[in-house]
N, C-alpha and C. Protein backbone atom coordinates (compact mmCIF):
# COMPACT_ATOMS: atom_id res chain seq x y z
N MET A 1 -1.69 3.84 19.76
CA MET A 1 -2.66 4.75 18.89
C MET A 1 -3.94 4.09 18.68
N PRO A 2 -4.90 5.51 18.87
CA PRO A 2 -6.40 5.24 18.54
C PRO A 2 -6.61 4.83 17.71
N GLY A 3 -7.63 4.51 16.92
CA GLY A 3 -8.46 4.06 15.76
C GLY A 3 -7.38 2.92 15.27
N GLY A 4 -7.48 2.40 13.82
CA GLY A 4 -6.69 1.77 13.20
C GLY A 4 -7.77 0.82 12.59
N LEU A 5 -7.18 -0.28 11.80
CA LEU A 5 -7.85 -0.93 10.69
C LEU A 5 -7.68 -2.55 11.15
N LEU A 6 -8.34 -3.54 11.14
CA LEU A 6 -8.04 -5.03 11.05
C LEU A 6 -8.03 -5.22 9.69
N LEU A 7 -7.70 -6.57 9.62
CA LEU A 7 -7.62 -7.28 8.41
C LEU A 7 -8.91 -7.42 8.11
N GLY A 8 -9.48 -7.51 7.18
CA GLY A 8 -11.15 -7.82 6.45
C GLY A 8 -12.00 -6.65 6.79
N ASP A 9 -11.40 -5.26 7.54
CA ASP A 9 -12.10 -4.25 7.79
C ASP A 9 -12.40 -3.45 6.52
N GLU A 10 -13.70 -2.88 6.45
CA GLU A 10 -13.96 -2.34 4.86
C GLU A 10 -12.89 -0.78 5.43
N ALA A 11 -12.64 -0.36 4.09
CA ALA A 11 -11.99 0.97 4.32
C ALA A 11 -12.90 2.04 4.36
N PRO A 12 -12.90 3.05 5.09
CA PRO A 12 -13.70 4.06 5.31
C PRO A 12 -14.00 4.96 4.50
N ASN A 13 -15.22 5.67 4.19
CA ASN A 13 -15.51 5.94 2.56
C ASN A 13 -15.38 7.71 2.94
N PHE A 14 -14.09 7.97 3.39
CA PHE A 14 -13.79 9.37 3.84
C PHE A 14 -13.77 10.28 2.65
N GLU A 15 -13.77 11.69 2.88
CA GLU A 15 -13.90 12.43 1.98
C GLU A 15 -12.54 13.52 2.43
N ALA A 16 -11.39 13.75 1.35
CA ALA A 16 -10.34 14.18 1.94
C ALA A 16 -9.66 15.24 0.46
N ASN A 17 -9.08 16.30 0.88
CA ASN A 17 -8.45 17.04 -0.13
C ASN A 17 -7.38 16.63 -0.65
N THR A 18 -7.09 16.31 -1.75
CA THR A 18 -5.55 15.94 -2.41
C THR A 18 -5.11 16.78 -3.16
N THR A 19 -4.07 16.61 -3.85
CA THR A 19 -3.14 16.75 -4.73
C THR A 19 -3.96 17.30 -6.59
N ILE A 20 -5.16 16.11 -6.09
CA ILE A 20 -6.06 16.15 -7.33
C ILE A 20 -7.45 16.74 -7.39
N GLY A 21 -7.63 17.17 -6.36
CA GLY A 21 -8.82 17.78 -5.95
C GLY A 21 -9.62 17.02 -4.83
N ARG A 22 -10.91 17.45 -4.43
CA ARG A 22 -11.25 17.00 -3.37
C ARG A 22 -11.80 15.33 -3.98
N ILE A 23 -11.71 13.94 -3.01
CA ILE A 23 -11.99 13.08 -3.30
C ILE A 23 -12.86 12.42 -2.19
N ARG A 24 -13.89 11.56 -2.69
CA ARG A 24 -14.36 10.60 -1.73
C ARG A 24 -13.62 8.80 -2.03
N PHE A 25 -12.97 8.38 -1.02
CA PHE A 25 -12.44 7.20 -1.13
C PHE A 25 -12.71 6.26 -1.86
N HIS A 26 -13.98 5.75 -1.58
CA HIS A 26 -14.56 4.55 -2.50
C HIS A 26 -14.72 4.81 -3.96
N ASP A 27 -15.12 5.93 -4.51
CA ASP A 27 -15.20 6.67 -5.69
C ASP A 27 -13.48 6.41 -6.53
N PHE A 28 -12.74 6.79 -5.44
CA PHE A 28 -11.35 6.85 -6.11
C PHE A 28 -10.81 5.44 -6.21
N LEU A 29 -11.23 4.56 -5.48
CA LEU A 29 -10.75 3.40 -5.80
C LEU A 29 -11.58 2.22 -6.83
N GLY A 30 -12.86 2.80 -6.65
CA GLY A 30 -13.53 2.16 -7.63
C GLY A 30 -13.89 0.32 -7.79
N ASP A 31 -13.38 0.05 -8.93
CA ASP A 31 -13.06 -1.32 -9.19
C ASP A 31 -11.94 -2.16 -8.63
N SER A 32 -10.73 -1.05 -8.44
CA SER A 32 -9.40 -1.41 -8.55
C SER A 32 -8.78 -1.75 -6.96
N TRP A 33 -7.84 -2.21 -6.80
CA TRP A 33 -6.96 -2.47 -5.43
C TRP A 33 -6.58 -1.01 -5.20
N GLY A 34 -6.47 -1.17 -3.81
CA GLY A 34 -5.87 0.32 -3.43
C GLY A 34 -4.64 0.37 -2.63
N ILE A 35 -3.70 1.07 -2.71
CA ILE A 35 -2.26 0.92 -1.46
C ILE A 35 -2.74 2.59 -1.32
N LEU A 36 -2.81 2.65 0.14
CA LEU A 36 -3.15 3.79 1.07
C LEU A 36 -1.73 4.03 2.01
N PHE A 37 -0.63 4.93 1.56
CA PHE A 37 0.37 4.72 2.36
C PHE A 37 0.54 6.29 2.63
N SER A 38 1.03 6.27 4.65
CA SER A 38 1.23 7.69 4.71
C SER A 38 2.81 7.86 5.01
N HIS A 39 3.08 9.04 5.03
CA HIS A 39 4.60 9.36 5.43
C HIS A 39 4.75 10.80 6.43
N PRO A 40 5.96 10.60 7.34
CA PRO A 40 5.58 11.66 8.54
C PRO A 40 5.90 12.91 7.81
N ARG A 41 6.29 13.80 6.73
CA ARG A 41 6.33 14.66 6.72
C ARG A 41 6.97 15.10 4.92
N ASP A 42 6.24 16.05 4.63
CA ASP A 42 7.18 16.63 3.24
C ASP A 42 7.92 17.09 3.43
N PHE A 43 8.84 17.34 2.44
CA PHE A 43 10.38 17.80 2.50
C PHE A 43 11.46 17.49 3.23
N THR A 44 11.20 15.77 3.51
CA THR A 44 12.20 15.35 4.45
C THR A 44 12.76 14.30 3.61
N PRO A 45 14.31 13.84 4.08
CA PRO A 45 14.76 13.28 2.95
C PRO A 45 14.33 11.65 2.60
N VAL A 46 13.79 11.15 3.89
CA VAL A 46 13.67 9.78 3.90
C VAL A 46 12.50 9.78 3.02
N CYS A 47 11.36 10.61 3.07
CA CYS A 47 10.24 10.62 2.73
C CYS A 47 10.35 10.88 1.12
N THR A 48 11.33 11.58 0.76
CA THR A 48 11.63 11.88 -0.77
C THR A 48 12.25 10.56 -1.32
N THR A 49 12.79 10.07 -0.97
CA THR A 49 13.14 8.84 -1.45
C THR A 49 12.29 7.89 -1.20
N GLU A 50 11.10 7.72 -0.56
CA GLU A 50 10.07 7.07 -0.48
C GLU A 50 9.23 6.97 -1.33
N LEU A 51 8.73 8.27 -1.32
CA LEU A 51 7.89 8.62 -2.76
C LEU A 51 8.48 8.63 -3.75
N GLY A 52 9.40 8.91 -4.18
CA GLY A 52 10.36 8.81 -5.32
C GLY A 52 10.22 7.31 -5.79
N ARG A 53 10.41 6.53 -5.07
CA ARG A 53 10.53 5.11 -5.66
C ARG A 53 9.08 4.94 -5.70
N ALA A 54 8.03 4.97 -5.14
CA ALA A 54 6.73 4.57 -5.59
C ALA A 54 6.21 5.41 -6.62
N ALA A 55 7.06 6.60 -7.43
CA ALA A 55 6.74 7.11 -8.08
C ALA A 55 7.48 6.45 -9.72
N LYS A 56 8.37 5.43 -9.42
CA LYS A 56 9.00 5.03 -10.48
C LYS A 56 8.33 3.47 -10.77
N LEU A 57 7.80 2.93 -9.35
CA LEU A 57 6.78 1.58 -9.51
C LEU A 57 5.55 1.94 -10.06
N ALA A 58 5.40 2.82 -10.39
CA ALA A 58 3.50 3.05 -10.14
C ALA A 58 2.97 2.60 -11.33
N PRO A 59 3.99 2.44 -12.81
CA PRO A 59 3.17 2.09 -13.58
C PRO A 59 3.15 0.33 -13.44
N GLU A 60 3.86 0.09 -12.97
CA GLU A 60 3.86 -1.73 -12.35
C GLU A 60 2.45 -1.63 -11.40
N PHE A 61 2.58 -1.13 -10.69
CA PHE A 61 1.47 -1.08 -9.60
C PHE A 61 -0.11 -0.77 -10.57
N ALA A 62 -0.19 0.24 -11.40
CA ALA A 62 -0.79 -0.04 -12.60
C ALA A 62 -1.40 -1.00 -13.23
N LYS A 63 -0.37 -1.52 -13.72
CA LYS A 63 -0.34 -3.35 -14.54
C LYS A 63 -1.18 -3.95 -14.23
N ARG A 64 -1.11 -4.09 -12.60
CA ARG A 64 -1.83 -4.71 -11.67
C ARG A 64 -3.08 -4.28 -11.14
N ASN A 65 -3.62 -3.22 -11.93
CA ASN A 65 -5.16 -2.72 -11.86
C ASN A 65 -4.72 -2.12 -10.05
N VAL A 66 -3.75 -1.59 -9.56
CA VAL A 66 -3.44 -1.11 -8.09
C VAL A 66 -3.45 0.67 -8.09
N LYS A 67 -4.29 1.19 -7.41
CA LYS A 67 -4.47 2.62 -7.58
C LYS A 67 -3.19 3.18 -6.00
N LEU A 68 -2.20 4.03 -6.44
CA LEU A 68 -1.85 4.27 -5.19
C LEU A 68 -2.11 5.63 -4.49
N ILE A 69 -2.18 6.00 -3.07
CA ILE A 69 -2.56 7.30 -2.69
C ILE A 69 -1.85 7.40 -1.75
N ALA A 70 -1.16 8.42 -1.31
CA ALA A 70 -0.30 9.08 -0.43
C ALA A 70 -1.23 9.87 0.71
N LEU A 71 -0.76 9.88 1.84
CA LEU A 71 -1.09 10.81 3.19
C LEU A 71 0.09 11.63 3.71
N SER A 72 -0.10 12.66 4.32
CA SER A 72 0.68 13.13 5.41
C SER A 72 -0.47 14.03 6.12
N VAL A 73 0.39 14.81 7.23
CA VAL A 73 -0.14 15.86 8.24
C VAL A 73 0.25 17.11 7.45
N ASP A 74 0.77 17.43 5.92
CA ASP A 74 0.83 18.61 5.46
C ASP A 74 -0.23 19.00 4.67
N SER A 75 -0.11 20.07 4.06
CA SER A 75 -1.33 20.81 3.22
C SER A 75 -1.17 20.66 1.80
N VAL A 76 -1.83 20.62 0.96
CA VAL A 76 -2.34 20.37 -0.52
C VAL A 76 -1.01 21.39 -1.36
N GLU A 77 -1.03 22.39 -0.42
CA GLU A 77 0.12 23.58 -0.80
C GLU A 77 1.51 22.76 -0.96
N ASP A 78 1.77 22.27 0.06
CA ASP A 78 3.22 21.90 0.55
C ASP A 78 3.68 20.55 -0.18
N HIS A 79 2.35 19.64 -0.35
CA HIS A 79 2.39 18.54 -1.30
C HIS A 79 3.04 18.75 -2.77
N LEU A 80 2.37 19.50 -3.17
CA LEU A 80 2.56 20.26 -4.67
C LEU A 80 3.43 21.07 -4.80
N ALA A 81 3.90 21.69 -3.96
CA ALA A 81 5.92 21.92 -3.72
C ALA A 81 6.62 20.82 -4.11
N TRP A 82 6.88 20.10 -2.98
CA TRP A 82 7.52 19.12 -2.50
C TRP A 82 7.33 18.13 -3.89
N SER A 83 6.70 17.99 -4.57
CA SER A 83 6.35 17.22 -5.71
C SER A 83 7.50 17.11 -6.61
N LYS A 84 7.54 18.62 -6.74
CA LYS A 84 9.04 18.96 -7.51
C LYS A 84 10.20 18.28 -7.13
N ASP A 85 10.56 18.29 -5.85
CA ASP A 85 11.79 17.39 -5.36
C ASP A 85 11.53 16.11 -5.54
N ILE A 86 10.46 15.38 -5.46
CA ILE A 86 10.37 14.11 -5.50
C ILE A 86 10.73 14.05 -7.32
N ASN A 87 10.21 14.66 -8.18
CA ASN A 87 10.31 14.33 -9.50
C ASN A 87 11.55 14.80 -9.81
N ALA A 88 12.39 15.91 -9.09
CA ALA A 88 14.00 16.02 -9.50
C ALA A 88 14.96 14.84 -8.71
N TYR A 89 14.41 14.45 -7.88
CA TYR A 89 15.33 13.13 -7.35
C TYR A 89 14.94 11.87 -7.92
N ASN A 90 14.28 11.88 -8.88
CA ASN A 90 14.02 10.82 -9.68
C ASN A 90 14.84 11.11 -11.16
N GLY A 91 15.50 12.33 -11.46
CA GLY A 91 15.54 12.79 -12.65
C GLY A 91 14.91 13.18 -13.43
N ASP A 92 13.61 13.52 -13.04
CA ASP A 92 12.85 13.71 -13.82
C ASP A 92 12.40 15.21 -14.12
N GLU A 93 11.67 15.78 -14.92
CA GLU A 93 11.51 17.02 -15.00
C GLU A 93 10.66 17.67 -13.41
N PRO A 94 11.21 18.71 -12.88
CA PRO A 94 10.45 19.11 -11.40
C PRO A 94 9.21 19.84 -11.63
N THR A 95 7.92 18.91 -11.87
CA THR A 95 6.55 19.66 -12.23
C THR A 95 5.90 19.32 -10.67
N GLU A 96 4.92 19.60 -10.72
CA GLU A 96 4.02 19.53 -9.38
C GLU A 96 3.34 18.09 -9.59
N LYS A 97 3.22 17.46 -10.60
CA LYS A 97 2.38 16.04 -11.08
C LYS A 97 3.05 14.95 -10.79
N LEU A 98 2.46 13.75 -10.08
CA LEU A 98 3.03 12.93 -9.28
C LEU A 98 2.21 11.52 -9.93
N PRO A 99 2.37 10.87 -10.45
CA PRO A 99 1.51 9.70 -10.66
C PRO A 99 0.31 8.85 -9.59
N PHE A 100 0.51 9.72 -8.80
CA PHE A 100 -0.80 9.09 -7.31
C PHE A 100 -0.98 10.85 -6.93
N PRO A 101 -1.89 10.83 -6.05
CA PRO A 101 -2.36 11.98 -5.14
C PRO A 101 -1.44 12.01 -3.99
N ILE A 102 -1.51 12.89 -3.35
CA ILE A 102 -1.11 13.25 -1.68
C ILE A 102 -2.58 13.66 -1.03
N ILE A 103 -2.99 12.91 -0.01
CA ILE A 103 -3.97 13.29 0.89
C ILE A 103 -3.42 14.42 1.76
N ASP A 104 -3.89 15.78 1.76
CA ASP A 104 -4.02 16.47 3.18
C ASP A 104 -4.74 16.31 4.07
N ASP A 105 -3.74 16.04 5.36
CA ASP A 105 -4.32 15.67 6.45
C ASP A 105 -4.13 16.63 7.50
N LYS A 106 -3.96 17.98 7.08
CA LYS A 106 -3.12 18.37 8.54
C LYS A 106 -3.97 18.94 9.53
N ASN A 107 -5.10 18.31 9.74
CA ASN A 107 -5.72 18.63 11.10
C ASN A 107 -5.56 17.22 11.50
N ARG A 108 -5.21 15.87 11.18
CA ARG A 108 -4.84 14.97 11.73
C ARG A 108 -6.27 13.78 11.80
N ASP A 109 -6.94 14.03 11.34
CA ASP A 109 -8.27 13.55 11.25
C ASP A 109 -8.51 12.07 10.88
N LEU A 110 -7.90 12.13 9.45
CA LEU A 110 -7.27 10.43 8.95
C LEU A 110 -6.73 9.70 9.84
N ALA A 111 -5.49 10.58 10.29
CA ALA A 111 -4.35 9.70 10.82
C ALA A 111 -5.13 9.31 11.86
N ILE A 112 -5.97 10.07 12.91
CA ILE A 112 -6.45 9.38 13.84
C ILE A 112 -7.21 8.32 13.98
N LEU A 113 -8.28 8.47 12.72
CA LEU A 113 -8.95 7.39 12.28
C LEU A 113 -8.61 6.33 11.93
N LEU A 114 -7.39 6.13 11.56
CA LEU A 114 -7.04 5.04 10.74
C LEU A 114 -5.80 4.47 11.46
N GLY A 115 -5.41 5.20 12.80
CA GLY A 115 -4.59 4.54 13.51
C GLY A 115 -3.12 4.85 13.04
N MET A 116 -2.63 6.03 12.34
CA MET A 116 -1.54 5.88 11.95
C MET A 116 -0.40 7.32 12.28
N LEU A 117 -1.04 7.78 13.57
CA LEU A 117 0.17 8.23 14.44
C LEU A 117 1.19 7.83 15.04
N ASP A 118 2.43 8.64 14.89
CA ASP A 118 3.27 7.86 15.66
C ASP A 118 3.98 8.80 16.97
N PRO A 119 3.82 8.23 17.99
CA PRO A 119 4.28 9.42 19.12
C PRO A 119 5.43 9.39 19.37
N ALA A 120 6.33 8.96 18.96
CA ALA A 120 7.43 9.50 19.06
C ALA A 120 8.19 10.34 18.64
N GLU A 121 7.27 10.83 16.91
CA GLU A 121 7.95 11.49 16.15
C GLU A 121 6.99 12.66 16.67
N ARG A 122 7.59 14.14 16.46
CA ARG A 122 6.66 15.38 16.59
C ARG A 122 7.23 16.11 15.78
N ASP A 123 6.56 16.87 15.34
CA ASP A 123 6.62 18.16 14.56
C ASP A 123 7.13 19.63 15.42
N GLU A 124 7.38 20.55 14.81
CA GLU A 124 7.64 21.68 15.36
C GLU A 124 6.88 21.94 16.72
N LYS A 125 5.53 21.90 16.55
CA LYS A 125 4.45 22.28 17.61
C LYS A 125 4.28 21.05 18.48
N ASN A 126 5.24 19.98 18.40
CA ASN A 126 4.76 18.75 19.27
C ASN A 126 3.96 18.15 19.18
N MET A 127 3.49 18.08 17.78
CA MET A 127 2.34 17.43 17.30
C MET A 127 2.81 16.00 16.66
N PRO A 128 2.10 14.56 17.17
CA PRO A 128 2.71 13.97 16.49
C PRO A 128 2.56 13.83 15.14
N VAL A 129 3.50 13.36 14.07
CA VAL A 129 3.34 13.23 12.83
C VAL A 129 2.88 11.58 12.11
N THR A 130 2.56 11.32 10.92
CA THR A 130 2.21 10.16 10.74
C THR A 130 3.42 9.27 10.43
N ALA A 131 3.23 7.91 11.06
CA ALA A 131 4.16 6.77 10.51
C ALA A 131 4.21 6.60 9.50
N ARG A 132 5.00 5.30 9.16
CA ARG A 132 4.92 4.97 7.58
C ARG A 132 4.38 3.60 7.40
N VAL A 133 2.66 4.09 7.11
CA VAL A 133 1.67 2.99 7.33
C VAL A 133 1.25 2.84 6.09
N VAL A 134 1.23 1.34 5.63
CA VAL A 134 0.93 0.92 4.74
C VAL A 134 -0.74 -0.01 4.50
N PHE A 135 -1.46 0.62 3.86
CA PHE A 135 -2.87 -0.44 3.74
C PHE A 135 -3.10 -0.73 2.57
N VAL A 136 -3.45 -1.96 2.10
CA VAL A 136 -3.64 -2.40 0.79
C VAL A 136 -4.90 -2.76 0.90
N PHE A 137 -5.81 -2.29 -0.10
CA PHE A 137 -7.22 -2.77 0.18
C PHE A 137 -7.54 -3.28 -1.55
N GLY A 138 -8.74 -4.41 -1.23
CA GLY A 138 -8.89 -5.34 -2.65
C GLY A 138 -9.73 -4.76 -3.12
N PRO A 139 -10.38 -5.01 -4.36
CA PRO A 139 -11.51 -4.26 -5.05
C PRO A 139 -12.90 -4.49 -4.36
N ASP A 140 -13.04 -5.36 -3.09
CA ASP A 140 -14.40 -5.12 -2.52
C ASP A 140 -14.00 -3.99 -1.34
N LYS A 141 -12.95 -3.58 -1.30
CA LYS A 141 -12.49 -2.12 -0.08
C LYS A 141 -12.41 -2.74 1.15
N LYS A 142 -11.95 -4.11 1.16
CA LYS A 142 -11.50 -4.52 2.40
C LYS A 142 -9.87 -4.86 2.52
N LEU A 143 -9.66 -4.44 3.67
CA LEU A 143 -8.19 -4.51 4.14
C LEU A 143 -7.61 -5.76 3.89
N LYS A 144 -6.47 -5.93 2.95
CA LYS A 144 -6.17 -7.26 2.50
C LYS A 144 -4.96 -7.58 3.47
N LEU A 145 -4.01 -6.38 3.50
CA LEU A 145 -2.31 -6.41 4.12
C LEU A 145 -2.69 -4.97 4.93
N SER A 146 -1.78 -4.75 6.12
CA SER A 146 -1.12 -3.64 6.87
C SER A 146 0.01 -3.84 7.16
N ILE A 147 0.96 -2.61 6.93
CA ILE A 147 2.27 -3.08 7.31
C ILE A 147 2.67 -1.38 8.07
N LEU A 148 3.34 -1.21 9.41
CA LEU A 148 3.65 -0.29 10.02
C LEU A 148 4.87 -0.22 10.07
N TYR A 149 5.78 0.90 10.02
CA TYR A 149 7.18 1.34 9.99
C TYR A 149 7.34 2.53 10.65
N PRO A 150 8.15 2.66 11.83
CA PRO A 150 8.38 3.99 12.83
C PRO A 150 8.80 4.86 11.47
N ALA A 151 8.48 6.12 11.84
CA ALA A 151 9.11 7.17 10.98
C ALA A 151 10.64 7.15 10.50
N THR A 152 11.55 6.58 11.48
CA THR A 152 12.75 6.03 11.32
C THR A 152 13.23 5.40 10.06
N THR A 153 12.33 4.47 9.76
CA THR A 153 12.42 3.48 8.64
C THR A 153 12.09 3.43 7.24
N GLY A 154 12.59 3.72 6.55
CA GLY A 154 11.87 3.84 5.06
C GLY A 154 11.91 2.42 4.83
N ARG A 155 10.27 2.57 3.71
CA ARG A 155 10.18 1.24 3.25
C ARG A 155 10.85 0.78 2.39
N ASN A 156 10.44 -0.46 1.60
CA ASN A 156 11.15 -1.25 0.60
C ASN A 156 9.58 -1.53 -0.29
N PHE A 157 9.70 -0.50 -1.18
CA PHE A 157 8.30 -0.82 -2.26
C PHE A 157 8.38 -1.66 -2.80
N ASP A 158 9.46 -2.19 -3.52
CA ASP A 158 9.53 -3.53 -4.18
C ASP A 158 9.11 -4.86 -3.25
N GLU A 159 9.37 -4.41 -2.03
CA GLU A 159 8.46 -5.89 -1.67
C GLU A 159 7.19 -5.40 -1.25
N ILE A 160 6.65 -3.92 -1.00
CA ILE A 160 5.17 -4.03 -1.49
C ILE A 160 4.49 -4.35 -2.55
N LEU A 161 5.23 -4.50 -3.49
CA LEU A 161 4.84 -4.85 -5.20
C LEU A 161 4.84 -6.18 -4.92
N ARG A 162 5.59 -7.10 -4.42
CA ARG A 162 5.82 -8.24 -4.49
C ARG A 162 4.58 -8.91 -3.33
N VAL A 163 4.22 -8.42 -2.34
CA VAL A 163 3.11 -8.84 -1.61
C VAL A 163 1.97 -8.65 -2.26
N VAL A 164 1.52 -7.43 -3.35
CA VAL A 164 0.44 -7.36 -3.98
C VAL A 164 0.63 -8.16 -4.91
N LYS A 165 1.19 -8.73 -5.55
CA LYS A 165 1.39 -9.98 -6.78
C LYS A 165 0.86 -10.98 -5.61
N SER A 166 1.19 -11.54 -4.42
CA SER A 166 1.07 -12.72 -3.74
C SER A 166 -0.40 -12.76 -3.45
N LEU A 167 -1.07 -11.04 -2.83
CA LEU A 167 -2.35 -11.30 -2.62
C LEU A 167 -3.35 -11.41 -3.95
N GLN A 168 -2.93 -10.82 -4.82
CA GLN A 168 -4.18 -11.08 -5.96
C GLN A 168 -3.87 -12.59 -6.62
N LEU A 169 -2.57 -13.04 -6.79
CA LEU A 169 -2.37 -14.69 -6.83
C LEU A 169 -3.63 -15.60 -6.18
N THR A 170 -3.08 -15.24 -4.79
CA THR A 170 -3.90 -16.11 -4.01
C THR A 170 -5.58 -15.67 -3.36
N ALA A 171 -5.98 -14.84 -4.13
CA ALA A 171 -7.09 -14.10 -3.93
C ALA A 171 -7.89 -14.49 -5.19
N GLU A 172 -7.23 -15.26 -6.25
CA GLU A 172 -8.02 -15.96 -7.39
C GLU A 172 -7.88 -17.17 -7.46
N LYS A 173 -6.93 -17.92 -6.80
CA LYS A 173 -6.35 -19.29 -6.72
C LYS A 173 -6.17 -19.99 -5.03
N ARG A 174 -6.50 -21.03 -5.36
CA ARG A 174 -6.34 -21.34 -3.44
C ARG A 174 -5.29 -21.76 -3.66
N VAL A 175 -4.12 -21.07 -3.65
CA VAL A 175 -2.92 -21.53 -3.41
C VAL A 175 -2.13 -20.39 -2.11
N ALA A 176 -0.97 -20.25 -1.21
CA ALA A 176 -0.59 -19.69 -0.56
C ALA A 176 0.98 -19.67 -1.39
N THR A 177 1.61 -18.87 -1.07
CA THR A 177 3.05 -18.24 -1.59
C THR A 177 4.17 -18.58 -0.29
N PRO A 178 5.09 -19.50 -0.65
CA PRO A 178 6.22 -19.37 0.50
C PRO A 178 7.15 -18.50 0.73
N VAL A 179 8.07 -18.85 1.57
CA VAL A 179 9.04 -18.23 1.93
C VAL A 179 9.87 -17.58 0.77
N ASP A 180 9.98 -16.32 0.72
CA ASP A 180 10.68 -15.42 -0.18
C ASP A 180 10.20 -15.85 -1.46
N TRP A 181 8.92 -16.00 -1.70
CA TRP A 181 8.63 -16.10 -3.16
C TRP A 181 8.59 -15.11 -3.89
N LYS A 182 9.06 -15.00 -5.27
CA LYS A 182 8.32 -13.77 -6.17
C LYS A 182 7.91 -14.34 -7.24
N ASP A 183 6.90 -13.24 -8.36
CA ASP A 183 6.46 -13.76 -9.18
C ASP A 183 7.05 -14.67 -9.93
N GLY A 184 6.62 -15.87 -10.31
CA GLY A 184 7.16 -16.85 -11.01
C GLY A 184 7.66 -18.13 -10.57
N ASP A 185 8.18 -17.85 -9.29
CA ASP A 185 8.14 -18.91 -8.44
C ASP A 185 6.91 -20.05 -7.93
N SER A 186 7.46 -21.13 -7.86
CA SER A 186 6.29 -22.24 -7.23
C SER A 186 5.38 -21.50 -6.03
N VAL A 187 4.08 -22.00 -6.10
CA VAL A 187 3.70 -21.57 -5.15
C VAL A 187 2.66 -22.94 -4.53
N MET A 188 2.15 -22.85 -3.06
CA MET A 188 1.64 -24.19 -2.34
C MET A 188 0.04 -24.00 -2.92
N ALA A 189 0.04 -25.38 -3.10
CA ALA A 189 -1.69 -25.63 -3.44
C ALA A 189 -1.98 -25.77 -1.74
N GLN A 190 -3.45 -24.88 -1.26
CA GLN A 190 -4.13 -25.18 -0.36
C GLN A 190 -5.40 -26.25 -0.25
N MET A 191 -5.21 -27.38 -0.06
CA MET A 191 -5.83 -28.45 -0.36
C MET A 191 -5.97 -28.93 0.77
N LYS A 192 -7.53 -29.86 0.82
CA LYS A 192 -7.49 -30.66 2.35
C LYS A 192 -7.28 -32.02 2.06
N ASP A 193 -6.84 -32.17 1.09
CA ASP A 193 -6.53 -34.22 0.04
C ASP A 193 -5.75 -33.74 -1.17
N ARG A 194 -4.83 -34.87 -1.03
CA ARG A 194 -4.16 -35.32 -2.43
C ARG A 194 -4.68 -35.49 -3.80
N GLY A 195 -6.12 -35.84 -3.71
CA GLY A 195 -6.74 -36.25 -4.73
C GLY A 195 -7.09 -34.70 -5.31
N GLU A 196 -8.08 -33.81 -3.95
CA GLU A 196 -7.99 -32.33 -4.93
C GLU A 196 -7.00 -31.84 -5.39
N GLU A 197 -5.48 -31.79 -4.93
CA GLU A 197 -4.19 -30.95 -5.24
C GLU A 197 -3.93 -31.69 -6.44
N ALA A 198 -3.88 -32.93 -6.87
CA ALA A 198 -3.73 -33.49 -8.17
C ALA A 198 -4.52 -33.09 -8.94
N GLU A 199 -5.69 -32.95 -8.95
CA GLU A 199 -6.80 -32.27 -10.03
C GLU A 199 -6.12 -30.78 -9.87
N MET A 200 -6.04 -30.27 -9.25
CA MET A 200 -5.61 -28.92 -8.93
C MET A 200 -4.69 -28.38 -9.95
N GLU A 201 -3.40 -29.51 -10.00
CA GLU A 201 -2.08 -29.27 -10.93
C GLU A 201 -2.28 -29.59 -12.10
N LYS A 202 -3.33 -30.37 -12.56
CA LYS A 202 -3.80 -30.66 -13.91
C LYS A 202 -3.96 -29.15 -14.29
N GLU A 203 -5.09 -28.23 -13.71
CA GLU A 203 -5.35 -27.05 -14.54
C GLU A 203 -4.98 -26.00 -14.14
N ALA A 204 -3.67 -25.98 -13.48
CA ALA A 204 -3.05 -25.04 -12.98
C ALA A 204 -2.08 -24.50 -14.12
N ASP A 205 -2.17 -23.30 -14.20
CA ASP A 205 -1.22 -21.86 -15.23
C ASP A 205 0.23 -21.68 -14.64
N PHE A 206 0.48 -22.24 -13.13
CA PHE A 206 1.47 -21.61 -12.68
C PHE A 206 2.15 -23.07 -12.01
N LYS A 207 3.51 -22.65 -11.33
CA LYS A 207 4.20 -23.57 -10.61
C LYS A 207 3.35 -23.97 -9.03
N MET A 208 3.66 -25.29 -8.96
CA MET A 208 2.97 -25.58 -7.28
C MET A 208 3.92 -27.16 -6.90
N ASN A 209 4.40 -26.34 -5.70
CA ASN A 209 5.10 -27.59 -5.07
C ASN A 209 3.95 -28.16 -3.79
N THR A 210 4.35 -29.41 -3.53
CA THR A 210 3.53 -30.15 -2.39
C THR A 210 3.99 -29.98 -1.49
N TYR A 211 3.10 -30.11 -0.33
CA TYR A 211 3.64 -29.83 0.96
C TYR A 211 3.28 -30.50 1.91
N PRO A 212 3.22 -30.92 3.59
CA PRO A 212 2.58 -32.15 4.23
C PRO A 212 1.36 -31.61 4.58
N ILE A 213 -0.10 -32.12 4.29
CA ILE A 213 -1.29 -31.91 4.68
C ILE A 213 -1.82 -32.27 5.97
N TYR A 214 -2.30 -31.36 6.88
CA TYR A 214 -2.49 -32.03 8.11
C TYR A 214 -3.91 -32.07 8.01
N GLU A 215 -4.79 -33.06 8.62
CA GLU A 215 -6.18 -33.01 9.01
C GLU A 215 -6.08 -32.10 10.53
N THR A 216 -7.59 -31.51 10.41
CA THR A 216 -7.64 -30.87 11.41
C THR A 216 -9.14 -31.25 11.66
C-alpha cells in the first residue's frame, strides 16, 4: 500500500466531510488522545458489529480523554443511514447519531495518504476498499500505535481500550506493561539501576514488579 504512517509521525492535518460536518483533523483532536479507525464498507455484517462495539465502549474511551473517529470509502449519506443499523444492532433507538463521527472518503484520498487500502478486497467497481486500520494518536498529534487487520478479520475493541490504558500510563510514568497486562496489574519499572527503581517504588501509586536490568 502506498502512503502510511510510522510510529512517531505527526498526523496529517487533513480536512474531510463527516457525519458531524466538515472537520480539520487537528482541530477535531484538540488536546485529546485520538483513535482513527477504518472499516471496509458500510452496511456489511462485520463492520456493523465493530462499530457497534466501538459505540458501546465510547464512554470508556471518553473517560480517558480519547476521541474516536471512523473512516470508510462510503459517503456521508450512507454513513448516516447505516448508523441506524448500528444502533439497532446495539438494541438502541435506530437514529443516525453515533457517539463518534465517520469520515466520507469515497474518493479514497485519505485511504491512499494513510496507507489504509486492502488490495485483496474490492468493491463492485473493482476498486480496493479500506482495511481495518487503527491509529492511536497522543495529545501531541503523533502516532503512538498502529494496528492493521485485513477486511476479513474483525477487531477486538476491548483490546484497543486495554492498549490505550497502557499507552497513557507509560506516557506518564517510566514503566512498561508486561505480557497480558490489564489495568490494575503490576507493571515493570524502566530504570537503569536498582537504586533508581527502589526510589520510584516508594513514590508509585501503582504496583510494580522487578525484572532483570541489563547494562547497555
